[in-house]
Amino acid sequence: MTRSHLLCLSLLLAIAPAFAADPALTTISERSGFLKTGRYDEVIALCDAFAQRHPDAVRCIDFGTTPEGRPMKALVVSRSGALTPEAARERGLPVLLVQGGIHAGEIDGKDAGFLALRQALDGEAAPGALEELVLLFVPVFNVDGHERFGAWNRPNQRGPEEMGWRTTAQNYNLNRDYMKADAPEMQAMLALVQAWDPIAYIDLHVTDGAKFEHDVSIQVEPVNSGDADMRKSGRALRDDIIAKLATQGSLPLAFYPSFVEMDNPQSGFIDGVSTPRFSHGYFPLRNRYGMLVETHSWKDYPTRVNITRNTVVDLLEVTARDGRKWLKLAQAADARAEKLGGKLVPLDYAATEKVRTVDFRGYEYTRTPSEISGALMTRYDESKPQVWKLPLRDEILPSSTVVAPKGGYIVPPAHAAWVAEKLKTHGVEFRTLDEAIDEAKVETFRATQTKFAANPVEGHQRLALQGEWKPESRAIAAGSLFVPIAQPKARLAMGLLEPMAPDAFVQWGEFNNAFERKEYMEPYVAEQVAREMLAADPELQAQFDQRVKNDLAFARNPMARLDFFAQRHSSWDERYNLYPVLRIATVPR
């Protein structure tokens, strides 16, 4: 029997009881043989139906409203009797949040989640697990995108017949929004997370990419990032799920199978740690586990739903077994995070140049010039499986680090209102200073290089900058925010406020005004000012002459030569390129 037949048999066995169960708890997807997926009104109906069928174990809740006015639904599920955040905390139960449809065209998680949920409630899957945990199931995160329904919304994906759209009604990609939290949907999700504090957050997706035999990838952090003592358990979680899936007929991977060079298998793979704009990069900053599940887009929909269903059931079993241990590890990590002040903290990670060769289950292929594009075109023959020996770089180390402030961050009143709202959304602690400090010893960050993105990203003009923190004395105004480093979410605070962090507010362009020059001297004024300055300062004349002699580009640039003097004149804006947020080593009163 072929592996494909085994998968189909596994799926048939998994769904066999569906039609004997309450029809109100089955999906359009099941009834169609997993060829279709339902519209969002089905999610609303199923949410209510599960709560009515299992009143002792299920609550159907609204946790937000989309820009187009649709309710955002979640199912709270447990056989423990703990169906509120307070009850879960009081009983020390791990909360597992499983989210589908953040990219609503990749909708496997919705249909698989409802199938796994019904089977778990009926005792057919993960027996006893729901007594040991609370499951939060969000069938569709991107609800408005889900209702942008069409047959070709995912042209490089096999099934279902129609599906939703990748982005929201406001065209936000929610899996780029965890840090900046622009979208109302993300604000609602982070409020749900803040209320329930899930120990693990599972994000169910479908890949893009080439054709090959591997059918799912599982990535978890902390494994290479985050709290060092949580990494061992994060790796165990990842490896446990991969091992279970392998016994269930899958060919799972521990890295995202995207080629280094698009469409060129021989270029191999580079593993990494996603930045916190992504779900599984975000949750390690909260000292919690984040898992990205990616079924392979070229597997058919029944196969993908089956694999996702297996993953959800496996997670229920592993969380029931290990969840209380994870809670203790996370609590210890929270305590360690409160003591990060003055310590070296990684902001970003990258693979080293170390390469190993891996066996990768692909297909025979050719690469020949295309008469359409004129470029090399890869054509796969799915009837001829082939093992590729490919390079993989998966030794991952910090690529950017910074010493955390000993006290915390100061956000000036001019930016306090909007920064405060963002910090509240993330649950980061802060307070407002009632009194001014006339002469405070602080650190300031002045950019030595800035580069604004040529094109917008998610509605923002991103900013890449270089610079460093330096000690200064500055006044701190009343009404400033103080964000202490001594808090469980210290890493998250640093990710938002450290200027070199990849998804900090400043990197998303929220402080761009500070890095735009607003005042200039007219050239004829600058000429006169320069002559007066040179006449008064022979040392300045020597510096200027030396620069002209040694820097040909400077010597040939009239505006750069005039700027040499403008930057040394009393009219120069000392706040230009100065990051408005300060760091402080003490805790203000």
Protein backbone atom coordinates (compact mmCIF):
# COMPACT_ATOMS: atom_id res chain seq x y z
CA MET A 1 0.00 0.00 0.00
CA THR A 2 1.43 3.40 -0.96
CA ARG A 3 1.99 6.20 1.52
CA SER A 4 -0.71 8.24 -0.24
CA HIS A 5 -3.21 5.40 0.26
CA LEU A 6 -2.22 5.14 3.92
CA LEU A 7 -2.88 8.83 4.41
CA CYS A 8 -6.28 8.58 2.77
CA LEU A 9 -7.14 5.53 4.90
CA SER A 10 -6.04 7.40 8.02
CA LEU A 11 -8.31 10.27 7.07
CA LEU A 12 -11.27 7.97 6.42
CA LEU A 13 -10.78 6.32 9.81
CA ALA A 14 -10.55 9.73 11.45
CA ILE A 15 -13.82 11.01 10.02
CA ALA A 16 -15.79 7.73 10.09
CA PRO A 17 -17.76 8.62 13.23
CA ALA A 18 -18.68 12.05 11.88
CA PHE A 19 -21.97 11.11 10.33
CA ALA A 20 -23.09 9.17 13.40
CA ALA A 21 -22.45 12.24 15.51
CA ASP A 22 -24.75 15.22 15.94
CA PRO A 23 -25.05 16.65 12.39
CA ALA A 24 -24.95 20.13 13.87
CA LEU A 25 -21.32 19.47 14.86
CA THR A 26 -20.11 18.40 11.42
CA THR A 27 -18.74 20.81 8.84
CA ILE A 28 -19.52 21.40 5.19
CA SER A 29 -15.95 20.29 4.64
CA GLU A 30 -16.58 16.84 6.15
CA ARG A 31 -19.87 16.41 4.34
CA SER A 32 -18.16 17.24 1.02
CA GLY A 33 -15.38 14.72 1.58
CA PHE A 34 -13.04 17.62 2.38
CA LEU A 35 -13.36 19.16 -1.04
CA LYS A 36 -15.03 22.36 0.17
CA THR A 37 -14.92 24.67 3.14
CA GLY A 38 -17.86 26.57 4.60
CA ARG A 39 -18.48 30.29 4.90
CA TYR A 40 -18.18 32.17 8.19
CA ASP A 41 -21.83 31.76 9.12
CA GLU A 42 -20.98 28.09 9.61
CA VAL A 43 -18.33 29.05 12.21
CA ILE A 44 -20.93 31.08 14.11
CA ALA A 45 -23.41 28.20 13.99
CA LEU A 46 -20.84 25.58 15.01
CA CYS A 47 -19.58 27.70 17.88
CA ASP A 48 -23.12 27.89 19.30
CA ALA A 49 -23.85 24.23 18.53
CA PHE A 50 -20.77 22.96 20.37
CA ALA A 51 -21.68 25.06 23.40
CA GLN A 52 -25.25 23.75 23.38
CA ARG A 53 -24.18 20.11 22.88
CA HIS A 54 -21.51 20.30 25.62
CA PRO A 55 -22.68 22.97 28.10
CA ASP A 56 -20.37 21.63 30.82
CA ALA A 57 -17.26 21.79 28.61
CA VAL A 58 -17.63 24.49 25.94
CA ARG A 59 -18.22 28.23 25.92
CA CYS A 60 -18.70 30.16 22.67
CA ILE A 61 -17.36 33.70 23.06
CA ASP A 62 -16.94 36.84 20.98
CA PHE A 63 -13.54 38.41 21.54
CA GLY A 64 -13.71 41.21 18.96
CA THR A 65 -15.46 42.72 15.97
CA THR A 66 -13.87 43.08 12.55
CA PRO A 67 -13.76 46.33 10.55
CA GLU A 68 -16.64 44.99 8.43
CA GLY A 69 -18.70 44.29 11.54
CA ARG A 70 -18.36 40.52 11.90
CA PRO A 71 -17.96 38.83 15.30
CA MET A 72 -14.62 37.19 16.07
CA LYS A 73 -15.45 33.81 17.60
CA ALA A 74 -13.48 31.59 19.96
CA LEU A 75 -14.42 28.33 21.65
CA VAL A 76 -13.28 27.79 25.24
CA VAL A 77 -13.07 24.05 25.85
CA SER A 78 -12.23 22.04 28.97
CA ARG A 79 -13.60 19.09 30.93
CA SER A 80 -12.03 20.52 34.09
CA GLY A 81 -14.83 22.98 34.76
CA ALA A 82 -12.42 25.88 34.32
CA LEU A 83 -13.99 27.93 31.52
CA THR A 84 -12.80 31.40 32.55
CA PRO A 85 -9.27 32.82 32.71
CA GLU A 86 -9.60 33.21 36.48
CA ALA A 87 -10.64 29.59 36.96
CA ALA A 88 -7.82 28.34 34.75
CA ARG A 89 -5.26 30.34 36.74
CA GLU A 90 -6.73 29.29 40.08
CA ARG A 91 -6.45 25.61 39.15
CA GLY A 92 -3.03 25.98 37.54
CA LEU A 93 -4.24 24.64 34.20
CA PRO A 94 -2.23 25.18 31.01
CA VAL A 95 -4.09 27.12 28.32
CA LEU A 96 -3.45 26.06 24.71
CA LEU A 97 -4.50 28.57 22.05
CA VAL A 98 -5.00 27.05 18.58
CA GLN A 99 -5.62 29.58 15.82
CA GLY A 100 -6.79 28.97 12.28
CA GLY A 101 -7.25 31.24 9.31
CA ILE A 102 -4.83 34.06 10.06
CA HIS A 103 -4.31 33.80 6.28
CA ALA A 104 -7.87 32.92 5.37
CA GLY A 105 -6.97 31.19 2.12
CA GLU A 106 -4.94 28.73 4.20
CA ILE A 107 -8.01 27.42 5.95
CA ASP A 108 -7.01 23.87 6.93
CA GLY A 109 -6.97 24.83 10.62
CA LYS A 110 -10.65 25.73 10.75
CA ASP A 111 -11.98 22.43 9.38
CA ALA A 112 -9.32 20.31 11.09
CA GLY A 113 -9.85 22.09 14.39
CA PHE A 114 -13.59 21.47 14.46
CA LEU A 115 -13.01 17.80 13.60
CA ALA A 116 -10.38 17.38 16.34
CA LEU A 117 -12.54 19.25 18.82
CA ARG A 118 -15.59 17.07 18.26
CA GLN A 119 -13.53 13.90 18.51
CA ALA A 120 -11.81 15.05 21.70
CA LEU A 121 -15.13 15.97 23.31
CA ASP A 122 -16.58 12.59 22.33
CA GLY A 123 -13.53 10.75 23.71
CA GLU A 124 -12.46 9.45 20.31
CA ALA A 125 -9.20 11.45 20.31
CA ALA A 126 -6.78 12.54 23.04
CA PRO A 127 -8.82 10.79 25.78
CA GLY A 128 -8.64 12.60 29.10
CA ALA A 129 -6.68 15.55 27.71
CA LEU A 130 -9.48 18.08 28.11
CA GLU A 131 -9.55 17.38 31.84
CA GLU A 132 -5.94 18.59 32.13
CA LEU A 133 -6.01 21.80 30.10
CA VAL A 134 -8.08 24.59 28.61
CA LEU A 135 -8.23 24.79 24.83
CA LEU A 136 -8.91 28.14 23.19
CA PHE A 137 -9.85 27.47 19.58
CA VAL A 138 -10.10 30.41 17.17
CA PRO A 139 -11.38 28.83 13.94
CA VAL A 140 -10.79 31.96 11.82
CA PHE A 141 -8.64 34.91 12.89
CA ASN A 142 -8.91 36.87 9.63
CA VAL A 143 -12.71 36.83 9.43
CA ASP A 144 -13.24 39.56 6.80
CA GLY A 145 -10.57 37.99 4.61
CA HIS A 146 -12.34 34.64 4.99
CA GLU A 147 -15.45 36.13 3.42
CA ARG A 148 -13.56 37.39 0.39
CA PHE A 149 -14.29 33.99 -1.09
CA GLY A 150 -13.05 32.73 -4.45
CA ALA A 151 -11.87 29.71 -6.39
CA TRP A 152 -8.37 31.01 -7.24
CA ASN A 153 -7.44 32.96 -4.13
CA ARG A 154 -4.54 30.52 -3.64
CA PRO A 155 -3.40 29.55 -7.15
CA ASN A 156 -0.43 27.54 -5.83
CA GLN A 157 -2.56 25.40 -3.49
CA ARG A 158 -4.63 22.24 -4.06
CA GLY A 159 -8.04 22.77 -2.54
CA PRO A 160 -10.49 23.47 -1.17
CA GLU A 161 -12.64 24.42 -4.17
CA GLU A 162 -13.04 27.98 -2.85
CA MET A 163 -11.33 29.78 0.01
CA GLY A 164 -10.82 33.17 1.60
CA TRP A 165 -8.17 35.84 1.06
CA ARG A 166 -4.74 36.28 2.64
CA THR A 167 -5.23 39.76 4.08
CA THR A 168 -7.90 41.60 6.04
CA ALA A 169 -10.51 44.03 4.70
CA GLN A 170 -7.99 46.79 5.49
CA ASN A 171 -5.34 44.78 3.57
CA TYR A 172 -3.29 43.97 6.66
CA ASN A 173 -1.33 40.74 6.74
CA LEU A 174 -2.07 39.74 10.33
CA ASN A 175 1.03 37.57 10.50
CA ARG A 176 3.14 40.70 10.17
CA ASP A 177 1.22 42.63 12.83
CA TYR A 178 1.99 41.08 16.20
CA MET A 179 4.36 43.85 17.29
CA LYS A 180 2.92 46.96 15.64
CA ALA A 181 -0.66 45.75 16.30
CA ASP A 182 -2.27 48.07 13.75
CA ALA A 183 -5.24 45.88 12.84
CA PRO A 184 -8.36 45.83 15.03
CA GLU A 185 -8.29 42.05 14.69
CA MET A 186 -4.78 41.91 16.15
CA GLN A 187 -5.72 44.22 19.00
CA ALA A 188 -8.60 41.88 19.80
CA MET A 189 -6.35 38.82 19.64
CA LEU A 190 -3.75 40.36 21.93
CA ALA A 191 -6.53 41.24 24.40
CA LEU A 192 -7.60 37.57 24.32
CA VAL A 193 -3.98 36.54 24.89
CA GLN A 194 -3.61 39.03 27.73
CA ALA A 195 -6.76 37.73 29.42
CA TRP A 196 -5.95 34.01 29.13
CA ASP A 197 -2.12 34.01 29.01
CA PRO A 198 -1.82 30.81 26.94
CA ILE A 199 1.31 28.83 27.64
CA ALA A 200 1.45 27.88 23.94
CA TYR A 201 0.09 29.61 20.85
CA ILE A 202 -0.36 27.44 17.76
CA ASP A 203 -0.65 29.16 14.37
CA LEU A 204 -2.03 26.90 11.60
CA HIS A 205 -0.90 27.70 8.02
CA VAL A 206 -0.26 26.27 4.56
CA THR A 207 3.09 26.83 2.82
CA ASP A 208 3.87 28.35 -0.51
CA GLY A 209 6.78 26.91 -2.45
CA ALA A 210 8.07 24.04 -4.56
CA LYS A 211 6.73 20.54 -5.08
CA PHE A 212 8.17 17.79 -2.86
CA GLU A 213 7.04 14.88 -0.70
CA HIS A 214 7.33 16.46 2.75
CA ASP A 215 3.86 17.42 3.91
CA VAL A 216 4.22 19.55 7.04
CA SER A 217 6.77 21.64 8.90
CA ILE A 218 6.76 22.33 12.64
CA GLN A 219 8.71 25.29 14.02
CA VAL A 220 8.78 26.25 17.69
CA GLU A 221 10.38 28.98 19.73
CA PRO A 222 11.96 29.18 22.24
CA VAL A 223 14.36 26.72 20.63
CA ASN A 224 17.03 29.09 19.32
CA SER A 225 15.75 32.33 20.87
CA GLY A 226 14.11 33.62 24.02
CA ASP A 227 14.75 32.42 27.56
CA ALA A 228 17.68 30.00 27.53
CA ASP A 229 16.16 27.63 30.09
CA MET A 230 12.93 27.30 28.06
CA ARG A 231 14.72 26.23 24.90
CA LYS A 232 15.16 22.59 25.92
CA SER A 233 11.43 22.19 26.54
CA GLY A 234 10.63 24.09 23.33
CA ARG A 235 12.80 21.68 21.36
CA ALA A 236 11.14 18.72 23.12
CA LEU A 237 7.70 20.08 22.19
CA ARG A 238 8.72 20.44 18.55
CA ASP A 239 10.37 17.02 18.42
CA ASP A 240 7.44 15.31 20.15
CA ILE A 241 4.96 16.65 17.60
CA ILE A 242 7.25 15.76 14.70
CA ALA A 243 7.70 12.22 16.04
CA LYS A 244 3.96 11.74 16.50
CA LEU A 245 3.23 13.01 13.01
CA ALA A 246 5.84 10.70 11.55
CA THR A 247 4.15 7.69 13.17
CA GLN A 248 0.85 8.93 11.68
CA GLY A 249 2.21 8.73 8.14
CA SER A 250 3.55 12.26 7.63
CA LEU A 251 6.96 13.42 6.47
CA PRO A 252 7.47 16.36 8.85
CA LEU A 253 10.26 18.94 8.82
CA ALA A 254 11.73 21.07 11.59
CA PHE A 255 12.38 24.05 9.28
CA TYR A 256 10.36 26.03 6.75
CA PRO A 257 11.10 24.51 3.31
CA SER A 258 11.71 27.69 1.33
CA PHE A 259 14.69 27.59 -1.01
CA VAL A 260 17.48 30.12 -0.63
CA GLU A 261 17.01 30.93 -4.31
CA MET A 262 13.38 30.84 -5.35
CA ASP A 263 12.61 27.96 -7.70
CA ASN A 264 16.10 26.44 -7.39
CA PRO A 265 16.13 23.28 -5.24
CA GLN A 266 19.92 22.97 -5.30
CA SER A 267 20.26 26.27 -3.42
CA GLY A 268 19.05 24.46 -0.29
CA PHE A 269 17.68 25.97 2.89
CA ILE A 270 18.56 28.45 5.62
CA ASP A 271 16.81 28.05 8.96
CA GLY A 272 16.31 30.99 11.28
CA VAL A 273 14.29 32.68 13.98
CA SER A 274 11.39 34.72 12.70
CA THR A 275 11.21 38.29 13.93
CA PRO A 276 8.35 39.07 16.34
CA ARG A 277 6.06 40.51 13.68
CA PHE A 278 5.29 36.78 13.19
CA SER A 279 3.37 34.75 15.77
CA HIS A 280 6.09 32.23 16.60
CA GLY A 281 8.68 35.02 16.84
CA TYR A 282 6.43 37.09 19.12
CA PHE A 283 5.52 34.65 21.89
CA PRO A 284 9.09 33.91 23.04
CA LEU A 285 9.28 37.61 23.96
CA ARG A 286 6.42 36.89 26.38
CA ASN A 287 8.26 33.79 27.70
CA ARG A 288 5.65 31.52 26.14
CA TYR A 289 5.82 28.88 23.39
CA GLY A 290 4.94 29.78 19.82
CA MET A 291 4.43 27.08 17.18
CA LEU A 292 4.08 27.55 13.43
CA VAL A 293 2.41 24.64 11.63
CA GLU A 294 2.70 24.67 7.83
CA THR A 295 1.07 21.92 5.79
CA HIS A 296 2.32 21.69 2.22
CA SER A 297 0.22 23.54 -0.33
CA TRP A 298 0.59 20.90 -3.07
CA LYS A 299 -0.96 18.15 -0.95
CA ASP A 300 -4.70 17.89 -1.54
CA TYR A 301 -7.16 19.34 0.94
CA PRO A 302 -8.25 16.02 2.56
CA THR A 303 -4.60 15.16 3.21
CA ARG A 304 -3.79 18.59 4.62
CA VAL A 305 -6.85 18.65 6.88
CA ASN A 306 -5.98 15.20 8.17
CA ILE A 307 -2.42 16.23 9.00
CA THR A 308 -3.61 19.39 10.72
CA ARG A 309 -6.22 17.43 12.66
CA ASN A 310 -3.47 15.02 13.77
CA THR A 311 -1.32 17.95 14.85
CA VAL A 312 -4.09 19.46 16.98
CA VAL A 313 -4.83 16.12 18.64
CA ASP A 314 -1.12 15.53 19.25
CA LEU A 315 -0.86 18.97 20.85
CA LEU A 316 -3.76 18.20 23.16
CA GLU A 317 -2.01 15.04 24.30
CA VAL A 318 1.40 16.66 24.78
CA THR A 319 -0.03 19.72 26.55
CA ALA A 320 -2.10 17.51 28.88
CA ARG A 321 1.10 15.64 29.74
CA ASP A 322 3.61 18.49 29.94
CA GLY A 323 1.57 21.69 30.26
CA ARG A 324 1.90 22.12 34.02
CA LYS A 325 5.67 21.67 33.71
CA TRP A 326 5.69 24.34 30.98
CA LEU A 327 3.83 26.71 33.31
CA LYS A 328 6.54 26.35 35.95
CA LEU A 329 9.26 26.93 33.37
CA ALA A 330 7.47 30.03 32.08
CA GLN A 331 7.01 31.41 35.59
CA ALA A 332 10.72 30.96 36.24
CA ALA A 333 11.47 32.66 32.91
CA ASP A 334 9.24 35.59 33.92
CA ALA A 335 11.24 35.95 37.12
CA ARG A 336 14.52 35.86 35.20
CA ALA A 337 13.22 38.46 32.75
CA GLU A 338 12.68 40.86 35.64
CA LYS A 339 16.45 40.74 36.23
CA LEU A 340 17.63 41.41 32.65
CA GLY A 341 18.69 44.99 33.45
CA GLY A 342 22.39 45.46 32.70
CA LYS A 343 22.67 42.10 30.89
CA LEU A 344 23.41 41.39 27.24
CA VAL A 345 20.16 40.52 25.43
CA PRO A 346 19.85 39.28 21.81
CA LEU A 347 17.55 41.30 19.56
CA ASP A 348 17.82 39.23 16.39
CA TYR A 349 19.19 35.90 15.19
CA ALA A 350 20.70 34.47 12.02
CA ALA A 351 22.16 31.22 10.71
CA THR A 352 25.92 30.95 10.62
CA GLU A 353 27.83 29.87 7.52
CA LYS A 354 28.07 26.32 8.86
CA VAL A 355 26.47 23.95 6.32
CA ARG A 356 25.35 20.36 6.58
CA THR A 357 23.87 18.15 3.88
CA VAL A 358 20.39 16.72 4.38
CA ASP A 359 18.35 14.13 2.53
CA PHE A 360 15.21 15.86 1.29
CA ARG A 361 12.29 13.97 -0.25
CA GLY A 362 11.61 15.70 -3.56
CA TYR A 363 10.70 14.74 -7.11
CA GLU A 364 12.65 14.40 -10.31
CA TYR A 365 12.78 17.79 -12.01
CA THR A 366 14.25 19.73 -14.91
CA ARG A 367 15.33 23.35 -15.17
CA THR A 368 15.05 24.68 -18.70
CA PRO A 369 14.49 28.13 -20.23
CA SER A 370 10.86 29.20 -20.36
CA GLU A 371 9.34 30.53 -23.59
CA ILE A 372 7.00 32.59 -21.40
CA SER A 373 9.30 34.34 -18.94
CA GLY A 374 12.66 33.73 -20.60
CA ALA A 375 14.04 32.57 -17.24
CA LEU A 376 14.96 29.08 -16.10
CA MET A 377 11.76 27.21 -15.24
CA THR A 378 11.61 24.27 -12.81
CA ARG A 379 9.24 21.47 -13.82
CA TYR A 380 8.55 18.68 -11.32
CA ASP A 381 7.49 15.12 -12.15
CA GLU A 382 5.37 14.00 -9.17
CA SER A 383 5.31 10.43 -10.49
CA LYS A 384 9.05 10.09 -9.80
CA PRO A 385 10.02 10.63 -6.14
CA GLN A 386 13.67 11.44 -5.66
CA VAL A 387 15.90 12.07 -2.67
CA TRP A 388 17.72 15.37 -3.00
CA LYS A 389 20.94 15.97 -1.08
CA LEU A 390 20.74 19.65 -0.21
CA PRO A 391 22.69 22.15 1.89
CA LEU A 392 21.07 23.30 5.11
CA ARG A 393 22.36 26.08 7.35
CA ASP A 394 20.68 25.62 10.71
CA GLU A 395 23.23 26.69 13.31
CA ILE A 396 21.51 29.81 14.65
CA LEU A 397 23.17 32.44 16.83
CA PRO A 398 22.35 36.00 17.92
CA SER A 399 23.12 38.48 15.15
CA SER A 400 22.34 41.65 17.11
CA THR A 401 22.63 42.18 20.86
CA VAL A 402 22.35 45.06 23.29
CA VAL A 403 22.90 45.55 27.01
CA ALA A 404 19.48 46.10 28.59
CA PRO A 405 19.02 49.36 30.52
CA LYS A 406 19.38 48.94 34.26
CA GLY A 407 16.31 51.03 35.00
CA GLY A 408 14.17 51.19 31.89
CA TYR A 409 12.97 53.50 29.12
CA ILE A 410 11.64 57.06 29.16
CA VAL A 411 9.08 58.01 26.52
CA PRO A 412 8.61 61.82 26.29
CA PRO A 413 5.14 63.40 26.60
CA ALA A 414 5.02 64.16 22.87
CA HIS A 415 4.79 60.42 22.19
CA ALA A 416 3.35 59.20 25.48
CA ALA A 417 -0.29 58.86 24.38
CA TRP A 418 0.17 56.56 21.39
CA VAL A 419 3.02 54.57 22.93
CA ALA A 420 0.93 54.02 26.07
CA GLU A 421 -1.90 52.54 24.00
CA LYS A 422 0.49 50.17 22.24
CA LEU A 423 2.06 49.09 25.54
CA LYS A 424 -1.39 48.43 27.02
CA THR A 425 -2.25 46.29 24.00
CA HIS A 426 0.81 44.13 24.69
CA GLY A 427 0.40 44.10 28.46
CA VAL A 428 3.77 45.80 28.99
CA GLU A 429 4.01 47.59 32.34
CA PHE A 430 4.60 51.35 32.47
CA ARG A 431 3.66 54.40 34.51
CA THR A 432 3.39 58.13 33.95
CA LEU A 433 5.83 60.43 35.76
CA ASP A 434 4.06 63.14 37.72
CA GLU A 435 7.13 65.29 38.30
CA ALA A 436 9.83 66.59 36.00
CA ILE A 437 13.51 65.74 36.49
CA ASP A 438 15.62 68.73 35.56
CA GLU A 439 18.97 67.02 35.12
CA ALA A 440 18.76 63.26 34.70
CA LYS A 441 21.62 60.96 33.82
CA VAL A 442 20.30 59.04 30.82
CA GLU A 443 21.40 57.35 27.62
CA THR A 444 20.50 58.77 24.23
CA PHE A 445 20.57 57.11 20.82
CA ARG A 446 21.53 59.26 17.85
CA ALA A 447 21.42 57.64 14.42
CA THR A 448 24.67 57.79 12.47
CA GLN A 449 23.03 56.22 9.39
CA THR A 450 19.42 56.15 8.29
CA LYS A 451 17.75 54.56 5.30
CA PHE A 452 14.04 54.93 4.62
CA ALA A 453 12.43 52.08 2.70
CA ALA A 454 11.67 52.91 -0.92
CA ASN A 455 8.29 51.16 -0.78
CA PRO A 456 5.69 50.89 1.98
CA VAL A 457 5.33 47.73 4.04
CA GLU A 458 1.98 47.10 5.73
CA GLY A 459 1.15 50.78 5.36
CA HIS A 460 4.44 51.90 6.96
CA GLN A 461 7.65 53.35 5.60
CA ARG A 462 10.18 51.27 7.46
CA LEU A 463 13.45 52.78 8.66
CA ALA A 464 16.81 51.04 8.92
CA LEU A 465 19.26 52.86 11.15
CA GLN A 466 22.64 52.57 12.80
CA GLY A 467 23.86 54.23 15.96
CA GLU A 468 24.59 53.57 19.62
CA TRP A 469 23.51 54.57 23.09
CA LYS A 470 25.67 57.20 24.80
CA PRO A 471 25.47 58.75 28.29
CA GLU A 472 24.11 62.28 28.56
CA SER A 473 22.34 64.57 31.00
CA ARG A 474 18.85 65.56 29.88
CA ALA A 475 15.69 66.96 31.36
CA ILE A 476 12.79 64.54 31.73
CA ALA A 477 9.42 66.25 31.53
CA ALA A 478 6.42 65.50 33.69
CA GLY A 479 4.00 63.35 31.74
CA SER A 480 6.76 61.12 30.38
CA LEU A 481 6.25 57.37 30.51
CA PHE A 482 8.62 55.17 32.47
CA VAL A 483 8.79 51.58 31.17
CA PRO A 484 10.68 49.49 33.74
CA ILE A 485 13.00 46.73 32.61
CA ALA A 486 12.19 44.85 35.82
CA GLN A 487 9.05 43.13 34.54
CA PRO A 488 8.14 39.70 33.13
CA LYS A 489 7.73 41.16 29.63
CA ALA A 490 11.16 42.81 29.63
CA ARG A 491 12.10 41.17 26.33
CA LEU A 492 8.89 42.41 24.75
CA ALA A 493 9.50 45.94 26.05
CA MET A 494 12.98 45.83 24.53
CA GLY A 495 11.60 44.47 21.25
CA LEU A 496 9.28 47.46 21.03
CA LEU A 497 11.59 50.23 22.26
CA GLU A 498 15.18 49.24 21.43
CA PRO A 499 15.88 51.09 18.15
CA MET A 500 17.95 48.27 16.65
CA ALA A 501 15.32 45.59 17.36
CA PRO A 502 13.92 44.36 14.02
CA ASP A 503 10.26 45.12 14.78
CA ALA A 504 10.65 48.04 17.17
CA PHE A 505 8.32 51.01 16.77
CA VAL A 506 11.14 53.03 15.23
CA GLN A 507 11.92 50.30 12.68
CA TRP A 508 8.26 50.40 11.60
CA GLY A 509 8.58 54.14 10.94
CA GLU A 510 6.60 55.32 13.95
CA PHE A 511 9.31 57.87 14.81
CA ASN A 512 10.27 58.86 11.25
CA ASN A 513 9.75 62.55 11.92
CA ALA A 514 12.73 62.48 14.28
CA PHE A 515 14.96 61.39 11.41
CA GLU A 516 13.73 63.92 8.84
CA ARG A 517 15.61 67.19 8.51
CA LYS A 518 13.12 70.05 8.81
CA GLU A 519 15.24 73.25 8.81
CA TYR A 520 17.91 74.40 6.34
CA MET A 521 20.15 77.33 5.58
CA GLU A 522 19.85 78.86 2.15
CA PRO A 523 23.18 78.41 0.31
CA TYR A 524 23.94 82.13 0.24
CA VAL A 525 23.38 82.26 4.03
CA ALA A 526 25.49 79.16 4.60
CA GLU A 527 28.31 80.72 2.55
CA GLN A 528 28.37 83.79 4.78
CA VAL A 529 28.10 81.73 7.96
CA ALA A 530 30.96 79.49 6.83
CA ARG A 531 33.26 82.43 6.19
CA GLU A 532 32.48 83.91 9.60
CA MET A 533 33.10 80.57 11.33
CA LEU A 534 36.40 80.04 9.52
CA ALA A 535 37.58 83.51 10.39
CA ALA A 536 36.84 82.93 14.07
CA ASP A 537 38.26 79.40 14.35
CA PRO A 538 41.58 78.45 12.68
CA GLU A 539 41.20 74.86 13.92
CA LEU A 540 37.94 74.58 12.00
CA GLN A 541 39.76 75.79 8.87
CA ALA A 542 42.29 73.00 9.31
CA GLN A 543 39.54 70.37 9.74
CA PHE A 544 37.74 71.61 6.64
CA ASP A 545 40.91 71.65 4.53
CA GLN A 546 41.79 68.14 5.66
CA ARG A 547 38.31 66.85 4.75
CA VAL A 548 38.47 68.45 1.29
CA LYS A 549 41.90 66.95 0.71
CA ASN A 550 41.10 63.40 1.85
CA ASP A 551 37.46 62.95 0.82
CA LEU A 552 36.98 63.33 -2.92
CA ALA A 553 33.20 62.82 -2.80
CA PHE A 554 32.92 65.53 -0.15
CA ALA A 555 35.18 67.86 -2.10
CA ARG A 556 32.99 67.53 -5.20
CA ASN A 557 29.67 68.02 -3.36
CA PRO A 558 28.85 71.72 -2.80
CA MET A 559 25.92 71.00 -0.45
CA ALA A 560 27.98 68.60 1.66
CA ARG A 561 30.67 71.26 2.02
CA LEU A 562 28.13 73.83 3.18
CA ASP A 563 26.54 71.27 5.50
CA PHE A 564 29.93 70.82 7.17
CA PHE A 565 29.46 74.29 8.62
CA ALA A 566 25.70 74.14 9.13
CA GLN A 567 26.10 71.14 11.43
CA ARG A 568 28.56 73.07 13.57
CA HIS A 569 26.45 76.24 13.78
CA SER A 570 24.24 77.11 16.75
CA SER A 571 21.15 76.98 14.50
CA TRP A 572 21.62 73.25 13.87
CA ASP A 573 18.74 71.11 15.19
CA GLU A 574 20.33 69.03 17.91
CA ARG A 575 17.29 66.73 17.91
CA TYR A 576 17.82 65.72 14.27
CA ASN A 577 18.48 61.96 14.16
CA LEU A 578 17.94 61.75 17.93
CA TYR A 579 15.67 58.86 18.89
CA PRO A 580 13.06 60.42 21.21
CA VAL A 581 13.07 57.51 23.69
CA LEU A 582 15.73 57.59 26.43
CA ARG A 583 17.20 54.90 28.64
CA ILE A 584 17.80 55.36 32.34
CA ALA A 585 19.79 53.31 34.84
CA THR A 586 17.69 54.21 37.87
CA VAL A 587 13.98 54.02 38.68
CA PRO A 588 12.43 57.52 38.76
CA ARG A 589 10.22 58.44 41.70
